Amino acid sequence: MKKIAYTIDLVDDADLANEYCRLHADVWPEVRDGLRAVGVRELHIFRHVRRLFMLMEVADDFDPDTDFPAYLDTHPRCREWETLMDRFQAPLPEAREGEKWCSMESICGLE
């Protein structure tokens, strides 16, 4: 298994941020199943004010460039979920054009 991490901001609206957290407290089963189907074994999202940090443990052969798009096709509800999340999320200022979650580089690991 390998770990990958991403970050993004929430929009600057406390009510929307709270709604985002409420929705993630009860992720749709199709979303959970779709992520597992493409190799996501564990997924955790942490929040500090508006900044989100996502840490995933994934299968060794997981490739974000192909497996995230494949996840969207596992069930129509997965694409619906991602579209719904767009209203809560704000790309980081340094995000590339069209980039939603920014990948993070691992600089330290203690096992």
C-alpha atoms as a PDB file:
ATOM      1  CA  MET A   1       0.000   0.000   0.000  1.00  0.00           C
ATOM      2  CA  LYS A   2       1.095   3.560  -0.629  1.00  0.00           C
ATOM      3  CA  LYS A   3      -0.103   6.882   0.754  1.00  0.00           C
ATOM      4  CA  ILE A   4      -0.977   9.967  -1.244  1.00  0.00           C
ATOM      5  CA  ALA A   5      -2.074  13.377  -0.009  1.00  0.00           C
ATOM      6  CA  TYR A   6      -3.982  16.316  -1.427  1.00  0.00           C
ATOM      7  CA  THR A   7      -5.105  19.731  -0.240  1.00  0.00           C
ATOM      8  CA  ILE A   8      -7.792  22.241  -1.187  1.00  0.00           C
ATOM      9  CA  ASP A   9      -9.634  25.106   0.457  1.00  0.00           C
ATOM     10  CA  LEU A  10     -13.284  25.433   1.298  1.00  0.00           C
ATOM     11  CA  VAL A  11     -15.142  28.502   0.085  1.00  0.00           C
ATOM     12  CA  ASP A  12     -15.143  31.407   2.521  1.00  0.00           C
ATOM     13  CA  ASP A  13     -18.601  30.725   3.954  1.00  0.00           C
ATOM     14  CA  ALA A  14     -19.017  29.144   7.394  1.00  0.00           C
ATOM     15  CA  ASP A  15     -22.458  27.712   6.627  1.00  0.00           C
ATOM     16  CA  LEU A  16     -21.230  26.011   3.458  1.00  0.00           C
ATOM     17  CA  ALA A  17     -18.143  24.701   5.278  1.00  0.00           C
ATOM     18  CA  ASN A  18     -20.365  23.183   7.948  1.00  0.00           C
ATOM     19  CA  GLU A  19     -22.616  21.636   5.288  1.00  0.00           C
ATOM     20  CA  TYR A  20     -19.553  20.143   3.590  1.00  0.00           C
ATOM     21  CA  CYS A  21     -18.537  18.518   6.885  1.00  0.00           C
ATOM     22  CA  ARG A  22     -22.084  17.280   7.499  1.00  0.00           C
ATOM     23  CA  LEU A  23     -22.202  15.632   4.067  1.00  0.00           C
ATOM     24  CA  HIS A  24     -18.854  13.958   4.675  1.00  0.00           C
ATOM     25  CA  ALA A  25     -20.061  12.563   7.982  1.00  0.00           C
ATOM     26  CA  ASP A  26     -22.384  10.367   5.907  1.00  0.00           C
ATOM     27  CA  VAL A  27     -20.713   9.810   2.519  1.00  0.00           C
ATOM     28  CA  TRP A  28     -23.011   8.231  -0.035  1.00  0.00           C
ATOM     29  CA  PRO A  29     -22.483   4.444  -0.244  1.00  0.00           C
ATOM     30  CA  GLU A  30     -21.956   4.600  -4.021  1.00  0.00           C
ATOM     31  CA  VAL A  31     -19.088   7.062  -3.505  1.00  0.00           C
ATOM     32  CA  ARG A  32     -17.457   4.918  -0.832  1.00  0.00           C
ATOM     33  CA  ASP A  33     -17.864   1.797  -3.001  1.00  0.00           C
ATOM     34  CA  GLY A  34     -16.608   3.589  -6.118  1.00  0.00           C
ATOM     35  CA  LEU A  35     -13.440   4.723  -4.372  1.00  0.00           C
ATOM     36  CA  ARG A  36     -12.809   1.237  -3.024  1.00  0.00           C
ATOM     37  CA  ALA A  37     -13.374  -0.232  -6.494  1.00  0.00           C
ATOM     38  CA  VAL A  38     -10.486   1.796  -7.949  1.00  0.00           C
ATOM     39  CA  GLY A  39      -8.046   0.974  -5.152  1.00  0.00           C
ATOM     40  CA  VAL A  40      -8.616   3.470  -2.344  1.00  0.00           C
ATOM     41  CA  ARG A  41      -8.284   1.462   0.875  1.00  0.00           C
ATOM     42  CA  GLU A  42      -8.505   4.308   3.401  1.00  0.00           C
ATOM     43  CA  LEU A  43      -9.371   7.976   3.011  1.00  0.00           C
ATOM     44  CA  HIS A  44      -9.247  10.658   5.677  1.00  0.00           C
ATOM     45  CA  ILE A  45      -9.989  14.366   5.296  1.00  0.00           C
ATOM     46  CA  PHE A  46      -8.775  16.798   7.945  1.00  0.00           C
ATOM     47  CA  ARG A  47      -9.852  20.425   8.289  1.00  0.00           C
ATOM     48  CA  HIS A  48      -8.199  23.542   9.647  1.00  0.00           C
ATOM     49  CA  VAL A  49     -10.560  26.508   9.232  1.00  0.00           C
ATOM     50  CA  ARG A  50     -10.871  26.569   5.403  1.00  0.00           C
ATOM     51  CA  ARG A  51      -7.936  24.316   4.489  1.00  0.00           C
ATOM     52  CA  LEU A  52      -8.613  20.627   3.855  1.00  0.00           C
ATOM     53  CA  PHE A  53      -5.982  17.903   3.843  1.00  0.00           C
ATOM     54  CA  MET A  54      -6.819  14.486   2.406  1.00  0.00           C
ATOM     55  CA  LEU A  55      -4.671  11.437   3.127  1.00  0.00           C
ATOM     56  CA  MET A  56      -5.375   8.226   1.257  1.00  0.00           C
ATOM     57  CA  GLU A  57      -3.926   4.766   1.499  1.00  0.00           C
ATOM     58  CA  VAL A  58      -4.207   3.197  -1.930  1.00  0.00           C
ATOM     59  CA  ALA A  59      -3.275   0.001  -3.730  1.00  0.00           C
ATOM     60  CA  ASP A  60       0.331  -0.099  -4.952  1.00  0.00           C
ATOM     61  CA  ASP A  61      -0.814   0.054  -8.574  1.00  0.00           C
ATOM     62  CA  PHE A  62      -3.154   3.034  -7.973  1.00  0.00           C
ATOM     63  CA  ASP A  63      -2.588   5.773 -10.548  1.00  0.00           C
ATOM     64  CA  PRO A  64      -4.419   9.042  -9.811  1.00  0.00           C
ATOM     65  CA  ASP A  65      -4.391  10.051 -13.483  1.00  0.00           C
ATOM     66  CA  THR A  66      -6.420   7.004 -14.510  1.00  0.00           C
ATOM     67  CA  ASP A  67      -8.080   5.753 -11.335  1.00  0.00           C
ATOM     68  CA  PHE A  68      -9.793   8.991 -10.282  1.00  0.00           C
ATOM     69  CA  PRO A  69     -11.488   9.324 -13.703  1.00  0.00           C
ATOM     70  CA  ALA A  70     -12.396   5.617 -13.479  1.00  0.00           C
ATOM     71  CA  TYR A  71     -13.973   6.245 -10.066  1.00  0.00           C
ATOM     72  CA  LEU A  72     -16.308   8.826 -11.619  1.00  0.00           C
ATOM     73  CA  ASP A  73     -17.570   6.138 -13.981  1.00  0.00           C
ATOM     74  CA  THR A  74     -18.213   3.446 -11.330  1.00  0.00           C
ATOM     75  CA  HIS A  75     -21.684   4.851 -10.577  1.00  0.00           C
ATOM     76  CA  PRO A  76     -23.625   7.978 -11.660  1.00  0.00           C
ATOM     77  CA  ARG A  77     -23.845   9.020  -8.000  1.00  0.00           C
ATOM     78  CA  CYS A  78     -20.037   9.404  -7.880  1.00  0.00           C
ATOM     79  CA  ARG A  79     -20.105  12.094 -10.549  1.00  0.00           C
ATOM     80  CA  GLU A  80     -23.145  13.653  -8.827  1.00  0.00           C
ATOM     81  CA  TRP A  81     -21.216  13.754  -5.523  1.00  0.00           C
ATOM     82  CA  GLU A  82     -18.201  15.407  -7.130  1.00  0.00           C
ATOM     83  CA  THR A  83     -20.399  18.003  -8.826  1.00  0.00           C
ATOM     84  CA  LEU A  84     -22.112  18.722  -5.500  1.00  0.00           C
ATOM     85  CA  MET A  85     -18.718  19.144  -3.769  1.00  0.00           C
ATOM     86  CA  ASP A  86     -17.694  21.806  -6.307  1.00  0.00           C
ATOM     87  CA  ARG A  87     -19.927  24.377  -4.612  1.00  0.00           C
ATOM     88  CA  PHE A  88     -18.006  23.983  -1.342  1.00  0.00           C
ATOM     89  CA  GLN A  89     -14.434  23.840  -2.628  1.00  0.00           C
ATOM     90  CA  ALA A  90     -12.094  26.633  -3.699  1.00  0.00           C
ATOM     91  CA  PRO A  91      -8.890  25.758  -5.554  1.00  0.00           C
ATOM     92  CA  LEU A  92      -5.659  26.944  -3.994  1.00  0.00           C
ATOM     93  CA  PRO A  93      -4.112  30.066  -5.533  1.00  0.00           C
ATOM     94  CA  GLU A  94      -1.186  27.996  -6.817  1.00  0.00           C
ATOM     95  CA  ALA A  95      -3.408  25.307  -8.393  1.00  0.00           C
ATOM     96  CA  ARG A  96      -2.887  24.649 -12.085  1.00  0.00           C
ATOM     97  CA  GLU A  97      -5.653  25.456 -14.544  1.00  0.00           C
ATOM     98  CA  GLY A  98      -8.521  22.990 -13.984  1.00  0.00           C
ATOM     99  CA  GLU A  99      -6.868  21.451 -10.915  1.00  0.00           C
ATOM    100  CA  LYS A 100      -9.185  20.847  -7.990  1.00  0.00           C
ATOM    101  CA  TRP A 101      -7.297  19.071  -5.211  1.00  0.00           C
ATOM    102  CA  CYS A 102      -3.541  19.805  -5.293  1.00  0.00           C
ATOM    103  CA  SER A 103      -1.240  16.858  -4.755  1.00  0.00           C
ATOM    104  CA  MET A 104       1.230  17.123  -1.917  1.00  0.00           C
ATOM    105  CA  GLU A 105       4.810  15.869  -1.774  1.00  0.00           C
ATOM    106  CA  SER A 106       5.828  13.643   1.124  1.00  0.00           C
ATOM    107  CA  ILE A 107       8.855  15.155   2.854  1.00  0.00           C
ATOM    108  CA  CYS A 108       8.971  13.070   6.044  1.00  0.00           C
ATOM    109  CA  GLY A 109       7.756   9.647   7.053  1.00  0.00           C
ATOM    110  CA  LEU A 110       8.125   7.795  10.310  1.00  0.00           C
ATOM    111  CA  GLU A 111       7.185   4.148  10.309  1.00  0.00           C
END
